């Protein structure tokens, strides 16, 4: 009588080992992603303590978008960072300067009122570029095309329309400023 002996399969342990490695690989790569304390920018050297944020430049005809974006960025920097932020046209007084330029601003009809055929909401979109430049001229951070958009409602009253337009620009400016500062602080 021939006795059956279980055959040993050497590949089973190799398969288990390979499967475990495959499943653990994403966790191993995540642990080395470089977390850091909030407020310590990856792009900003440790010796930078003051940031100048002069009024951003503009390539658009719309009124005061660059001022709204500059003010929102300064508020965001003051709220989320440890840097002393100056709103100055003399960047030599600071360790680094955040420069910005509003590249485009478009306002386009989004929805229409079916009863009147007039526009009932608009979409405003702003695109800008930013660079953080050290006092010696070295570029520490650059984003050449940051774009945000916001919807706002139309009205038949012209003064209310202008007020809502400004509020939409303020909201887009806050969103862009938040993204700029987040990018400065959290880029790896």
N, C-alpha and C. Protein backbone atom coordinates (compact mmCIF):
# COMPACT_ATOMS: atom_id res chain seq x y z
N UNK A 1 0.82 -1.15 0.00
CA UNK A 1 0.00 0.00 0.00
C UNK A 1 0.88 1.23 0.00
N UNK A 2 0.47 2.12 -0.78
CA UNK A 2 1.24 3.35 -0.94
C UNK A 2 0.64 4.41 -0.04
N UNK A 3 1.43 4.99 0.78
CA UNK A 3 0.94 5.97 1.72
C UNK A 3 1.06 7.36 1.09
N UNK A 4 -0.02 8.11 1.23
CA UNK A 4 -0.02 9.47 0.70
C UNK A 4 0.60 10.41 1.71
N UNK A 5 1.55 11.11 1.29
CA UNK A 5 2.16 12.12 2.16
C UNK A 5 1.85 13.48 1.57
N UNK A 6 1.52 14.39 2.41
CA UNK A 6 1.23 15.72 1.88
C UNK A 6 2.48 16.31 1.25
N UNK A 7 2.28 16.84 0.09
CA UNK A 7 3.41 17.47 -0.59
C UNK A 7 3.59 18.87 -0.04
N UNK A 8 4.78 19.17 0.12
CA UNK A 8 5.11 20.50 0.60
C UNK A 8 5.20 21.43 -0.60
N UNK A 9 4.49 22.53 -0.52
CA UNK A 9 4.50 23.50 -1.61
C UNK A 9 5.37 24.68 -1.16
N UNK A 10 6.58 24.76 -1.71
CA UNK A 10 7.49 25.82 -1.28
C UNK A 10 7.02 27.20 -1.71
N UNK A 11 6.18 27.29 -2.69
CA UNK A 11 5.77 28.61 -3.19
C UNK A 11 4.73 29.29 -2.32
N UNK A 12 4.05 28.56 -1.44
CA UNK A 12 3.01 29.16 -0.61
C UNK A 12 3.61 30.20 0.33
N UNK A 13 4.71 29.88 0.98
CA UNK A 13 5.31 30.84 1.90
C UNK A 13 5.86 32.04 1.14
N UNK A 14 6.37 31.83 -0.06
CA UNK A 14 6.86 32.94 -0.87
C UNK A 14 5.69 33.83 -1.29
N UNK A 15 4.57 33.21 -1.62
CA UNK A 15 3.39 33.98 -2.00
C UNK A 15 2.88 34.82 -0.84
N UNK A 16 2.86 34.21 0.34
CA UNK A 16 2.42 34.96 1.53
C UNK A 16 3.35 36.13 1.80
N UNK A 17 4.64 35.90 1.73
CA UNK A 17 5.63 36.95 1.96
C UNK A 17 5.46 38.07 0.92
N UNK A 18 5.28 37.70 -0.32
CA UNK A 18 5.09 38.69 -1.38
C UNK A 18 3.81 39.48 -1.21
N UNK A 19 2.74 38.80 -0.79
CA UNK A 19 1.46 39.45 -0.58
C UNK A 19 1.55 40.44 0.59
N UNK A 20 2.18 40.03 1.66
CA UNK A 20 2.35 40.92 2.81
C UNK A 20 3.17 42.16 2.43
N UNK A 21 4.23 41.95 1.69
CA UNK A 21 5.06 43.07 1.24
C UNK A 21 4.25 44.01 0.36
N UNK A 22 3.48 43.43 -0.55
CA UNK A 22 2.65 44.24 -1.46
C UNK A 22 1.63 45.06 -0.68
N UNK A 23 1.01 44.47 0.34
CA UNK A 23 0.00 45.18 1.11
C UNK A 23 0.60 46.24 2.02
N UNK A 24 1.81 46.00 2.51
CA UNK A 24 2.45 46.95 3.42
C UNK A 24 3.19 48.07 2.69
N UNK A 25 3.49 47.90 1.43
CA UNK A 25 4.26 48.89 0.68
C UNK A 25 3.65 50.29 0.72
N UNK A 26 2.34 50.46 0.51
CA UNK A 26 1.79 51.82 0.59
C UNK A 26 1.98 52.47 1.95
N UNK A 27 1.88 51.67 3.04
CA UNK A 27 2.06 52.24 4.37
C UNK A 27 3.51 52.65 4.61
N UNK A 28 4.44 51.88 4.07
CA UNK A 28 5.84 52.22 4.23
C UNK A 28 6.19 53.49 3.49
N UNK A 29 5.63 53.71 2.32
CA UNK A 29 5.94 54.92 1.56
C UNK A 29 5.29 56.14 2.17
N UNK A 30 4.13 56.00 2.81
CA UNK A 30 3.45 57.14 3.42
C UNK A 30 4.22 57.65 4.63
N UNK A 31 4.87 56.77 5.36
CA UNK A 31 5.55 57.18 6.58
C UNK A 31 6.73 58.09 6.30
N UNK A 32 7.24 58.13 5.10
CA UNK A 32 8.38 58.98 4.79
C UNK A 32 8.02 60.24 4.04
N UNK A 33 6.79 60.72 4.17
CA UNK A 33 6.35 61.84 3.34
C UNK A 33 6.75 63.19 3.89
N UNK A 34 7.34 63.29 5.06
CA UNK A 34 7.90 64.54 5.53
C UNK A 34 6.91 65.46 6.23
N UNK A 35 6.12 64.98 7.15
CA UNK A 35 5.23 65.85 7.89
C UNK A 35 6.05 66.86 8.67
N UNK A 36 5.48 68.04 8.84
CA UNK A 36 6.16 69.07 9.61
C UNK A 36 5.13 69.90 10.36
N UNK A 37 5.62 70.70 11.27
CA UNK A 37 4.76 71.50 12.12
C UNK A 37 4.12 72.61 11.29
N UNK A 38 2.83 72.84 11.50
CA UNK A 38 2.15 73.92 10.79
C UNK A 38 2.81 75.25 11.13
N UNK A 39 2.94 76.09 10.13
CA UNK A 39 3.58 77.39 10.32
C UNK A 39 5.04 77.37 9.97
N UNK A 40 5.60 76.21 9.69
CA UNK A 40 7.00 76.15 9.26
C UNK A 40 7.01 75.78 7.79
N UNK A 41 7.28 76.75 6.97
CA UNK A 41 7.17 76.56 5.54
C UNK A 41 8.32 75.74 4.98
N UNK A 42 7.98 74.84 4.06
CA UNK A 42 8.99 74.03 3.40
C UNK A 42 9.82 74.87 2.44
N UNK A 43 9.22 75.93 1.87
CA UNK A 43 9.91 76.76 0.90
C UNK A 43 10.67 77.92 1.53
N UNK A 44 10.41 78.19 2.78
CA UNK A 44 10.97 79.36 3.43
C UNK A 44 12.07 78.94 4.40
N UNK A 45 13.29 79.44 4.19
CA UNK A 45 14.39 79.09 5.10
C UNK A 45 14.11 79.56 6.53
N UNK A 46 14.76 78.93 7.47
CA UNK A 46 14.54 79.23 8.88
C UNK A 46 14.93 80.66 9.25
N UNK A 47 15.85 81.26 8.50
CA UNK A 47 16.29 82.62 8.85
C UNK A 47 15.31 83.70 8.39
N UNK A 48 14.26 83.34 7.67
CA UNK A 48 13.26 84.31 7.23
C UNK A 48 12.27 84.52 8.38
N UNK A 49 12.20 85.76 8.83
CA UNK A 49 11.29 86.10 9.91
C UNK A 49 10.26 87.15 9.51
N UNK A 50 10.61 87.95 8.49
CA UNK A 50 9.68 88.98 8.03
C UNK A 50 9.41 88.80 6.54
N UNK A 51 8.15 88.96 6.17
CA UNK A 51 7.74 88.87 4.78
C UNK A 51 7.12 90.19 4.36
N UNK A 52 7.58 90.72 3.24
CA UNK A 52 6.95 91.90 2.66
C UNK A 52 5.91 91.42 1.66
N UNK A 53 4.75 92.03 1.69
CA UNK A 53 3.70 91.72 0.72
C UNK A 53 3.21 93.04 0.14
N UNK A 54 3.93 93.55 -0.87
CA UNK A 54 3.45 94.79 -1.52
C UNK A 54 2.18 94.51 -2.31
N UNK A 55 1.44 95.56 -2.62
CA UNK A 55 0.21 95.39 -3.40
C UNK A 55 0.57 94.65 -4.69
N UNK A 56 -0.18 93.58 -4.96
CA UNK A 56 0.08 92.78 -6.15
C UNK A 56 -0.14 93.61 -7.41
N UNK A 57 0.53 93.24 -8.46
CA UNK A 57 0.37 93.88 -9.76
C UNK A 57 -0.87 93.32 -10.43
N UNK A 58 -1.29 93.97 -11.50
CA UNK A 58 -2.45 93.48 -12.22
C UNK A 58 -2.29 93.68 -13.72
N UNK A 59 -2.80 92.74 -14.47
CA UNK A 59 -2.84 92.83 -15.93
C UNK A 59 -4.28 92.95 -16.42
N UNK A 60 -5.21 93.23 -15.51
CA UNK A 60 -6.63 93.30 -15.87
C UNK A 60 -7.16 94.71 -15.68
N UNK A 61 -8.30 94.97 -16.29
CA UNK A 61 -8.91 96.29 -16.21
C UNK A 61 -9.88 96.44 -15.05
N UNK A 62 -10.28 95.33 -14.42
CA UNK A 62 -11.23 95.40 -13.32
C UNK A 62 -10.61 96.16 -12.15
N UNK A 63 -11.48 96.80 -11.40
CA UNK A 63 -11.09 97.73 -10.36
C UNK A 63 -10.80 97.04 -9.03
N UNK A 64 -9.63 97.17 -8.50
CA UNK A 64 -9.21 96.77 -7.14
C UNK A 64 -9.15 95.28 -6.85
N UNK A 65 -9.13 94.43 -7.85
CA UNK A 65 -8.99 92.99 -7.58
C UNK A 65 -7.65 92.71 -6.93
N UNK A 66 -6.59 93.35 -7.39
CA UNK A 66 -5.26 93.12 -6.83
C UNK A 66 -5.18 93.56 -5.37
N UNK A 67 -5.91 94.60 -4.99
CA UNK A 67 -5.91 95.07 -3.61
C UNK A 67 -6.65 94.05 -2.72
N UNK A 68 -7.79 93.56 -3.19
CA UNK A 68 -8.54 92.56 -2.42
C UNK A 68 -7.71 91.30 -2.22
N UNK A 69 -7.00 90.87 -3.25
CA UNK A 69 -6.17 89.66 -3.16
C UNK A 69 -4.97 89.89 -2.24
N UNK A 70 -4.36 91.06 -2.32
CA UNK A 70 -3.23 91.38 -1.43
C UNK A 70 -3.68 91.39 0.02
N UNK A 71 -4.78 92.08 0.31
CA UNK A 71 -5.28 92.16 1.69
C UNK A 71 -5.65 90.78 2.23
N UNK A 72 -6.29 89.97 1.42
CA UNK A 72 -6.67 88.61 1.86
C UNK A 72 -5.43 87.76 2.15
N UNK A 73 -4.40 87.91 1.33
CA UNK A 73 -3.16 87.15 1.53
C UNK A 73 -2.45 87.58 2.81
N UNK A 74 -2.41 88.87 3.07
CA UNK A 74 -1.79 89.36 4.31
C UNK A 74 -2.56 88.84 5.53
N UNK A 75 -3.89 88.89 5.48
CA UNK A 75 -4.69 88.36 6.60
C UNK A 75 -4.40 86.87 6.82
N UNK A 76 -4.33 86.13 5.72
CA UNK A 76 -4.08 84.68 5.82
C UNK A 76 -2.69 84.41 6.39
N UNK A 77 -1.69 85.14 5.95
CA UNK A 77 -0.33 84.98 6.48
C UNK A 77 -0.28 85.33 7.97
N UNK A 78 -0.95 86.41 8.36
CA UNK A 78 -0.96 86.80 9.77
C UNK A 78 -1.69 85.78 10.64
N UNK A 79 -2.70 85.14 10.08
CA UNK A 79 -3.49 84.17 10.83
C UNK A 79 -2.79 82.83 10.96
N UNK A 80 -2.12 82.39 9.90
CA UNK A 80 -1.62 81.02 9.85
C UNK A 80 -0.12 80.86 9.99
N UNK A 81 0.63 81.93 10.06
CA UNK A 81 2.09 81.78 10.14
C UNK A 81 2.66 82.56 11.32
N UNK A 82 3.91 82.33 11.56
CA UNK A 82 4.63 83.03 12.63
C UNK A 82 5.41 84.23 12.10
N UNK A 83 5.32 84.50 10.81
CA UNK A 83 6.10 85.57 10.21
C UNK A 83 5.51 86.94 10.53
N UNK A 84 6.40 87.92 10.62
CA UNK A 84 5.95 89.31 10.72
C UNK A 84 5.73 89.76 9.29
N UNK A 85 4.52 90.12 8.98
CA UNK A 85 4.14 90.45 7.61
C UNK A 85 3.99 91.96 7.50
N UNK A 86 4.66 92.53 6.51
CA UNK A 86 4.57 93.96 6.28
C UNK A 86 3.92 94.22 4.94
N UNK A 87 3.11 95.22 4.90
CA UNK A 87 2.43 95.63 3.67
C UNK A 87 3.22 96.84 3.17
N UNK A 88 4.32 96.56 2.50
CA UNK A 88 5.24 97.64 2.17
C UNK A 88 5.65 97.61 0.71
N UNK A 89 5.99 98.77 0.21
CA UNK A 89 6.56 98.87 -1.14
C UNK A 89 8.08 98.86 -1.09
N UNK A 90 8.65 98.70 0.10
CA UNK A 90 10.10 98.67 0.26
C UNK A 90 10.52 97.29 0.76
N UNK A 91 10.64 96.31 -0.15
CA UNK A 91 10.92 94.94 0.28
C UNK A 91 12.31 94.73 0.88
N UNK A 92 13.19 95.71 0.77
CA UNK A 92 14.52 95.57 1.36
C UNK A 92 14.47 95.50 2.89
N UNK A 93 13.35 95.95 3.47
CA UNK A 93 13.19 95.91 4.92
C UNK A 93 12.81 94.53 5.44
N UNK A 94 12.55 93.58 4.54
CA UNK A 94 12.10 92.24 4.93
C UNK A 94 13.07 91.18 4.43
N UNK A 95 12.97 89.99 5.04
CA UNK A 95 13.83 88.87 4.65
C UNK A 95 13.41 88.26 3.32
N UNK A 96 12.11 88.35 2.98
CA UNK A 96 11.60 87.81 1.71
C UNK A 96 10.37 88.62 1.31
N UNK A 97 10.06 88.58 0.02
CA UNK A 97 8.93 89.32 -0.52
C UNK A 97 8.02 88.38 -1.30
N UNK A 98 6.73 88.45 -1.00
CA UNK A 98 5.75 87.69 -1.77
C UNK A 98 5.21 88.61 -2.85
N UNK A 99 5.54 88.30 -4.09
CA UNK A 99 5.10 89.09 -5.23
C UNK A 99 3.95 88.36 -5.91
N UNK A 100 2.98 89.12 -6.38
CA UNK A 100 1.85 88.52 -7.08
C UNK A 100 1.40 89.39 -8.23
N UNK A 101 0.82 88.75 -9.23
CA UNK A 101 0.26 89.46 -10.38
C UNK A 101 -1.06 88.80 -10.75
N UNK A 102 -2.12 89.60 -10.83
CA UNK A 102 -3.40 89.12 -11.32
C UNK A 102 -3.28 89.06 -12.84
N UNK A 103 -3.38 87.86 -13.39
CA UNK A 103 -3.18 87.66 -14.83
C UNK A 103 -4.47 87.86 -15.62
N UNK A 104 -5.55 87.25 -15.14
CA UNK A 104 -6.83 87.35 -15.84
C UNK A 104 -7.96 87.45 -14.83
N UNK A 105 -9.03 88.09 -15.26
CA UNK A 105 -10.27 88.11 -14.50
C UNK A 105 -11.39 88.11 -15.52
N UNK A 106 -12.20 87.08 -15.47
CA UNK A 106 -13.33 87.01 -16.40
C UNK A 106 -14.63 86.90 -15.63
N UNK A 107 -15.64 87.53 -16.17
CA UNK A 107 -16.99 87.43 -15.63
C UNK A 107 -17.87 86.98 -16.78
N UNK A 108 -18.50 85.83 -16.61
CA UNK A 108 -19.29 85.25 -17.69
C UNK A 108 -20.67 84.87 -17.18
N UNK A 109 -21.71 85.02 -18.02
CA UNK A 109 -23.05 84.57 -17.63
C UNK A 109 -23.04 83.07 -17.38
N UNK A 110 -23.76 82.66 -16.35
CA UNK A 110 -23.79 81.25 -15.99
C UNK A 110 -25.19 80.65 -16.16
N UNK A 111 -26.19 81.33 -15.62
CA UNK A 111 -27.57 80.86 -15.76
C UNK A 111 -28.46 82.02 -16.20
N UNK A 112 -29.60 81.66 -16.75
CA UNK A 112 -30.54 82.67 -17.25
C UNK A 112 -31.89 82.48 -16.60
N UNK A 113 -32.61 83.57 -16.41
CA UNK A 113 -33.98 83.55 -15.90
C UNK A 113 -34.89 83.22 -17.08
N UNK A 114 -35.60 82.07 -17.02
CA UNK A 114 -36.41 81.68 -18.17
C UNK A 114 -37.58 82.62 -18.46
N UNK A 115 -38.07 83.32 -17.44
CA UNK A 115 -39.22 84.21 -17.66
C UNK A 115 -38.82 85.52 -18.33
N UNK A 116 -37.64 86.03 -18.02
CA UNK A 116 -37.21 87.31 -18.59
C UNK A 116 -36.15 87.15 -19.66
N UNK A 117 -35.46 86.04 -19.66
CA UNK A 117 -34.37 85.83 -20.61
C UNK A 117 -33.09 86.53 -20.21
N UNK A 118 -33.09 87.20 -19.06
CA UNK A 118 -31.88 87.89 -18.61
C UNK A 118 -31.01 86.95 -17.76
N UNK A 119 -29.78 87.33 -17.61
CA UNK A 119 -28.84 86.53 -16.84
C UNK A 119 -29.22 86.57 -15.36
N UNK A 120 -29.25 85.41 -14.71
CA UNK A 120 -29.59 85.37 -13.29
C UNK A 120 -28.38 85.08 -12.40
N UNK A 121 -27.30 84.54 -12.98
CA UNK A 121 -26.07 84.37 -12.20
C UNK A 121 -24.87 84.44 -13.13
N UNK A 122 -23.76 84.80 -12.54
CA UNK A 122 -22.51 84.96 -13.28
C UNK A 122 -21.42 84.12 -12.62
N UNK A 123 -20.38 83.86 -13.37
CA UNK A 123 -19.22 83.16 -12.85
C UNK A 123 -18.02 84.09 -13.00
N UNK A 124 -17.35 84.38 -11.89
CA UNK A 124 -16.14 85.19 -11.93
C UNK A 124 -14.96 84.25 -11.74
N UNK A 125 -13.94 84.41 -12.56
CA UNK A 125 -12.75 83.57 -12.47
C UNK A 125 -11.52 84.47 -12.48
N UNK A 126 -10.61 84.22 -11.54
CA UNK A 126 -9.37 84.99 -11.43
C UNK A 126 -8.20 84.02 -11.52
N UNK A 127 -7.22 84.39 -12.33
CA UNK A 127 -5.98 83.63 -12.44
C UNK A 127 -4.84 84.57 -12.07
N UNK A 128 -3.91 84.08 -11.27
CA UNK A 128 -2.80 84.91 -10.81
C UNK A 128 -1.54 84.08 -10.71
N UNK A 129 -0.41 84.76 -10.61
CA UNK A 129 0.87 84.08 -10.38
C UNK A 129 1.53 84.70 -9.15
N UNK A 130 2.34 83.90 -8.48
CA UNK A 130 2.97 84.32 -7.24
C UNK A 130 4.39 83.81 -7.16
N UNK A 131 5.23 84.59 -6.49
CA UNK A 131 6.61 84.16 -6.24
C UNK A 131 7.05 84.72 -4.89
N UNK A 132 7.70 83.89 -4.10
CA UNK A 132 8.31 84.33 -2.86
C UNK A 132 9.80 84.45 -3.14
N UNK A 133 10.32 85.66 -3.01
CA UNK A 133 11.70 85.95 -3.38
C UNK A 133 12.48 86.40 -2.15
N UNK A 134 13.63 85.77 -1.91
CA UNK A 134 14.49 86.15 -0.79
C UNK A 134 15.12 87.51 -1.08
N UNK A 135 15.62 88.14 -0.05
CA UNK A 135 16.24 89.46 -0.20
C UNK A 135 17.38 89.44 -1.21
N UNK A 136 18.09 88.30 -1.33
CA UNK A 136 19.20 88.20 -2.27
C UNK A 136 18.75 87.90 -3.71
N UNK A 137 17.42 87.79 -3.93
CA UNK A 137 16.90 87.56 -5.27
C UNK A 137 16.60 86.10 -5.58
N UNK A 138 16.95 85.20 -4.70
CA UNK A 138 16.70 83.77 -4.90
C UNK A 138 15.20 83.49 -4.76
N UNK A 139 14.62 82.78 -5.73
CA UNK A 139 13.20 82.44 -5.70
C UNK A 139 13.00 81.23 -4.79
N UNK A 140 12.21 81.42 -3.74
CA UNK A 140 11.95 80.36 -2.76
C UNK A 140 10.69 79.56 -3.11
N UNK A 141 9.77 80.20 -3.78
CA UNK A 141 8.48 79.58 -4.12
C UNK A 141 7.95 80.26 -5.38
N UNK A 142 7.31 79.48 -6.23
CA UNK A 142 6.71 80.05 -7.44
C UNK A 142 5.50 79.21 -7.83
N UNK A 143 4.42 79.91 -8.16
CA UNK A 143 3.24 79.28 -8.74
C UNK A 143 2.81 80.22 -9.86
N UNK A 144 3.01 79.78 -11.10
CA UNK A 144 2.78 80.64 -12.25
C UNK A 144 1.34 80.70 -12.72
N UNK A 145 0.48 79.87 -12.15
CA UNK A 145 -0.91 79.90 -12.61
C UNK A 145 -1.83 79.29 -11.57
N UNK A 146 -2.31 80.12 -10.67
CA UNK A 146 -3.27 79.72 -9.67
C UNK A 146 -4.62 80.31 -10.08
N UNK A 147 -5.65 79.49 -10.16
CA UNK A 147 -6.93 79.95 -10.67
C UNK A 147 -8.06 79.54 -9.73
N UNK A 148 -8.97 80.48 -9.46
CA UNK A 148 -10.15 80.23 -8.65
C UNK A 148 -11.35 80.89 -9.30
N UNK A 149 -12.54 80.36 -9.00
CA UNK A 149 -13.76 80.95 -9.54
C UNK A 149 -14.86 80.93 -8.48
N UNK A 150 -15.83 81.83 -8.69
CA UNK A 150 -16.94 81.99 -7.75
C UNK A 150 -18.19 82.38 -8.52
N UNK A 151 -19.31 81.81 -8.14
CA UNK A 151 -20.59 82.16 -8.75
C UNK A 151 -21.25 83.24 -7.90
N UNK A 152 -21.93 84.19 -8.55
CA UNK A 152 -22.73 85.15 -7.82
C UNK A 152 -24.02 85.44 -8.57
N UNK A 153 -25.02 85.85 -7.82
CA UNK A 153 -26.36 86.08 -8.37
C UNK A 153 -26.45 87.48 -8.95
N UNK A 154 -27.23 87.60 -10.00
CA UNK A 154 -27.49 88.88 -10.63
C UNK A 154 -28.75 89.49 -10.03
N UNK A 155 -28.93 90.77 -10.26
CA UNK A 155 -30.11 91.46 -9.81
C UNK A 155 -30.45 92.54 -10.82
N UNK A 156 -31.67 93.00 -10.80
CA UNK A 156 -32.08 94.07 -11.71
C UNK A 156 -31.60 95.43 -11.20
N UNK A 157 -31.30 95.52 -9.91
CA UNK A 157 -30.83 96.76 -9.30
C UNK A 157 -29.33 96.88 -9.53
N UNK A 158 -28.89 97.88 -10.29
CA UNK A 158 -27.48 98.02 -10.67
C UNK A 158 -26.57 98.17 -9.46
N UNK A 159 -26.97 98.93 -8.45
CA UNK A 159 -26.11 99.12 -7.28
C UNK A 159 -25.93 97.81 -6.52
N UNK A 160 -26.97 97.01 -6.43
CA UNK A 160 -26.86 95.71 -5.75
C UNK A 160 -25.98 94.77 -6.57
N UNK A 161 -26.06 94.85 -7.90
CA UNK A 161 -25.22 94.02 -8.76
C UNK A 161 -23.75 94.32 -8.51
N UNK A 162 -23.41 95.60 -8.46
CA UNK A 162 -22.01 95.99 -8.24
C UNK A 162 -21.55 95.51 -6.87
N UNK A 163 -22.41 95.60 -5.86
CA UNK A 163 -22.03 95.14 -4.53
C UNK A 163 -21.79 93.64 -4.52
N UNK A 164 -22.60 92.87 -5.20
CA UNK A 164 -22.41 91.42 -5.23
C UNK A 164 -21.16 91.05 -6.00
N UNK A 165 -20.88 91.77 -7.06
CA UNK A 165 -19.67 91.55 -7.83
C UNK A 165 -18.44 91.70 -6.93
N UNK A 166 -18.42 92.74 -6.14
CA UNK A 166 -17.32 92.97 -5.21
C UNK A 166 -17.23 91.86 -4.16
N UNK A 167 -18.38 91.41 -3.67
CA UNK A 167 -18.39 90.33 -2.68
C UNK A 167 -17.85 89.04 -3.29
N UNK A 168 -18.17 88.78 -4.54
CA UNK A 168 -17.64 87.58 -5.21
C UNK A 168 -16.12 87.67 -5.33
N UNK A 169 -15.61 88.83 -5.68
CA UNK A 169 -14.15 89.04 -5.77
C UNK A 169 -13.51 88.83 -4.41
N UNK A 170 -14.16 89.31 -3.34
CA UNK A 170 -13.64 89.12 -1.99
C UNK A 170 -13.57 87.62 -1.64
N UNK A 171 -14.62 86.87 -1.99
CA UNK A 171 -14.64 85.43 -1.70
C UNK A 171 -13.55 84.69 -2.48
N UNK A 172 -13.40 85.02 -3.75
CA UNK A 172 -12.36 84.38 -4.56
C UNK A 172 -10.99 84.74 -4.00
N UNK A 173 -10.80 85.99 -3.59
CA UNK A 173 -9.52 86.43 -3.03
C UNK A 173 -9.19 85.67 -1.76
N UNK A 174 -10.18 85.46 -0.89
CA UNK A 174 -9.95 84.68 0.34
C UNK A 174 -9.56 83.25 0.01
N UNK A 175 -10.25 82.64 -0.96
CA UNK A 175 -9.93 81.26 -1.35
C UNK A 175 -8.52 81.17 -1.93
N UNK A 176 -8.17 82.11 -2.78
CA UNK A 176 -6.82 82.10 -3.38
C UNK A 176 -5.75 82.32 -2.32
N UNK A 177 -5.99 83.25 -1.41
CA UNK A 177 -5.02 83.53 -0.34
C UNK A 177 -4.81 82.29 0.53
N UNK A 178 -5.89 81.61 0.84
CA UNK A 178 -5.78 80.39 1.63
C UNK A 178 -4.94 79.34 0.91
N UNK A 179 -5.15 79.21 -0.40
CA UNK A 179 -4.38 78.24 -1.19
C UNK A 179 -2.91 78.63 -1.28
N UNK A 180 -2.62 79.91 -1.45
CA UNK A 180 -1.23 80.38 -1.52
C UNK A 180 -0.49 80.03 -0.23
N UNK A 181 -1.08 80.38 0.90
CA UNK A 181 -0.43 80.15 2.19
C UNK A 181 -0.32 78.65 2.47
N UNK A 182 -1.35 77.89 2.14
CA UNK A 182 -1.29 76.43 2.32
C UNK A 182 -0.16 75.85 1.49
N UNK A 183 -0.02 76.32 0.28
CA UNK A 183 1.05 75.82 -0.59
C UNK A 183 2.42 76.17 -0.03
N UNK A 184 2.56 77.38 0.48
CA UNK A 184 3.83 77.77 1.10
C UNK A 184 4.16 76.90 2.31
N UNK A 185 3.15 76.60 3.12
CA UNK A 185 3.38 75.87 4.36
C UNK A 185 3.42 74.36 4.21
N UNK A 186 2.76 73.83 3.22
CA UNK A 186 2.58 72.37 3.16
C UNK A 186 3.21 71.69 1.98
N UNK A 187 3.90 72.38 1.14
CA UNK A 187 4.53 71.72 -0.01
C UNK A 187 5.69 70.87 0.45
N UNK A 188 5.83 69.74 -0.20
CA UNK A 188 6.91 68.82 0.19
C UNK A 188 7.97 68.80 -0.89
